[in-house]
């Protein structure tokens, strides 16, 4: 999966033609989450609270 951004140890990854809803994958250490683009809500998985806040911002 291509990494499109990396900051503070968080990797943001996205496939070009992935399933709906439009989303990206965030990885921080062993934590993984699928984040909806429309509102920044974590659809599946989890991130530590600080990492989740940074990803939403």
C-alpha atoms as a PDB file:
ATOM      1  CA  UNK A   1       0.000   0.000   0.000  1.00  0.00           C
ATOM      2  CA  UNK A   2       1.548   3.352  -0.991  1.00  0.00           C
ATOM      3  CA  UNK A   3       2.442   5.735   1.819  1.00  0.00           C
ATOM      4  CA  UNK A   4       1.215   9.229   0.942  1.00  0.00           C
ATOM      5  CA  UNK A   5       2.320  11.006   4.147  1.00  0.00           C
ATOM      6  CA  UNK A   6       4.413  10.346   7.220  1.00  0.00           C
ATOM      7  CA  UNK A   7       4.646  12.523  10.341  1.00  0.00           C
ATOM      8  CA  UNK A   8       5.386  11.988  14.053  1.00  0.00           C
ATOM      9  CA  UNK A   9       5.786   8.258  13.399  1.00  0.00           C
ATOM     10  CA  UNK A  10       2.321   8.031  11.808  1.00  0.00           C
ATOM     11  CA  UNK A  11       2.087   6.653   8.260  1.00  0.00           C
ATOM     12  CA  UNK A  12      -0.917   7.561   6.092  1.00  0.00           C
ATOM     13  CA  UNK A  13      -1.541   5.051   3.320  1.00  0.00           C
ATOM     14  CA  UNK A  14      -4.135   4.890   0.558  1.00  0.00           C
ATOM     15  CA  UNK A  15      -5.056   2.692  -2.384  1.00  0.00           C
ATOM     16  CA  UNK A  16      -6.229   4.390  -5.581  1.00  0.00           C
ATOM     17  CA  UNK A  17      -9.281   2.173  -6.187  1.00  0.00           C
ATOM     18  CA  UNK A  18     -10.230   0.841  -2.729  1.00  0.00           C
ATOM     19  CA  UNK A  19     -13.701  -0.017  -1.376  1.00  0.00           C
ATOM     20  CA  UNK A  20     -16.251   2.539  -0.112  1.00  0.00           C
ATOM     21  CA  UNK A  21     -16.507   4.729   1.913  1.00  0.00           C
ATOM     22  CA  UNK A  22     -13.542   6.842   0.750  1.00  0.00           C
ATOM     23  CA  UNK A  23     -10.904   6.375   3.421  1.00  0.00           C
ATOM     24  CA  UNK A  24      -7.216   6.107   4.228  1.00  0.00           C
ATOM     25  CA  UNK A  25      -5.239   3.833   6.511  1.00  0.00           C
ATOM     26  CA  UNK A  26      -3.274   5.275   9.434  1.00  0.00           C
ATOM     27  CA  UNK A  27      -0.531   3.254  11.129  1.00  0.00           C
ATOM     28  CA  UNK A  28       1.276   4.176  14.308  1.00  0.00           C
ATOM     29  CA  UNK A  29       3.595   1.487  15.623  1.00  0.00           C
ATOM     30  CA  UNK A  30       1.452  -1.639  15.911  1.00  0.00           C
ATOM     31  CA  UNK A  31      -1.815   0.345  15.917  1.00  0.00           C
ATOM     32  CA  UNK A  32      -3.818   0.555  12.691  1.00  0.00           C
ATOM     33  CA  UNK A  33      -7.024   2.386  11.793  1.00  0.00           C
ATOM     34  CA  UNK A  34      -9.197   2.959   8.766  1.00  0.00           C
ATOM     35  CA  UNK A  35     -10.215   6.649   8.724  1.00  0.00           C
ATOM     36  CA  UNK A  36     -13.155   8.016   6.704  1.00  0.00           C
ATOM     37  CA  UNK A  37     -12.122  11.054   4.662  1.00  0.00           C
ATOM     38  CA  UNK A  38     -15.487  12.854   4.879  1.00  0.00           C
ATOM     39  CA  UNK A  39     -15.363  13.438   8.636  1.00  0.00           C
ATOM     40  CA  UNK A  40     -12.121  11.942   9.990  1.00  0.00           C
ATOM     41  CA  UNK A  41     -13.980   9.273  11.972  1.00  0.00           C
ATOM     42  CA  UNK A  42     -12.174   6.002  12.668  1.00  0.00           C
ATOM     43  CA  UNK A  43     -14.292   3.365  10.938  1.00  0.00           C
ATOM     44  CA  UNK A  44     -12.322   0.334  12.109  1.00  0.00           C
ATOM     45  CA  UNK A  45      -9.246  -0.356  14.173  1.00  0.00           C
ATOM     46  CA  UNK A  46      -7.846   2.043  16.733  1.00  0.00           C
ATOM     47  CA  UNK A  47      -5.061   4.510  17.377  1.00  0.00           C
ATOM     48  CA  UNK A  48      -3.772   5.927  20.652  1.00  0.00           C
ATOM     49  CA  UNK A  49      -5.731   9.112  21.540  1.00  0.00           C
ATOM     50  CA  UNK A  50      -2.910  11.523  20.683  1.00  0.00           C
ATOM     51  CA  UNK A  51      -2.204   9.859  17.324  1.00  0.00           C
ATOM     52  CA  UNK A  52      -5.945   9.829  16.498  1.00  0.00           C
ATOM     53  CA  UNK A  53      -6.195  13.567  17.256  1.00  0.00           C
ATOM     54  CA  UNK A  54      -3.172  14.363  15.064  1.00  0.00           C
ATOM     55  CA  UNK A  55      -4.578  12.309  12.185  1.00  0.00           C
ATOM     56  CA  UNK A  56      -7.957  14.088  12.405  1.00  0.00           C
ATOM     57  CA  UNK A  57      -6.245  17.499  12.359  1.00  0.00           C
END
